Amino acid sequence: YGFLYEPEILDKGYYKWILNMGNVPEIGVIKTFREPMYARERGEILPFQPCCPHYHEGPCPNYIFKDFFWGLGRAGKIYLPVHLLPLLIFRYKSLVNDTVKTLAHTVKAFISSCVFLSSYVV
């Protein structure tokens, strides 16, 4: 709610992080969510605002397909330390004793997290 309608209630750094992780330009949020909401509060109805050109250029399916894969990279920047640091700190013995199984588990969890976040923001 805060991100879409009341960004002033969020920390500025967190708000910018959400914009970056979602690859969302602020003008898109303003045109497609905030302006229609404020208009409804005034009793007005604005015409539908398509996502293009506010979020991207070109056909939506092409953008979504490409952004999903770019999103995997953005998510990887977040989830690599989330999965790697606990492995090195808390599961180091397991990593040394059963390297393949431990790494396979960690890689699977890392990929699952990246796919979740990338599909969530698309």
Foldseek 3Di string as FASTA:
>chain_A
DCLLENVVVDDPVVSVLLCVLLVFDPQLSCVQGHVQVVCVVVVHHDDHDDSPPRRHDDDPVVVLVVQLVVSLVSQLVVLVCVLPVCCVPPVVVVCVVPVVVSVVVSVVVSSVRSNVSSVVSD
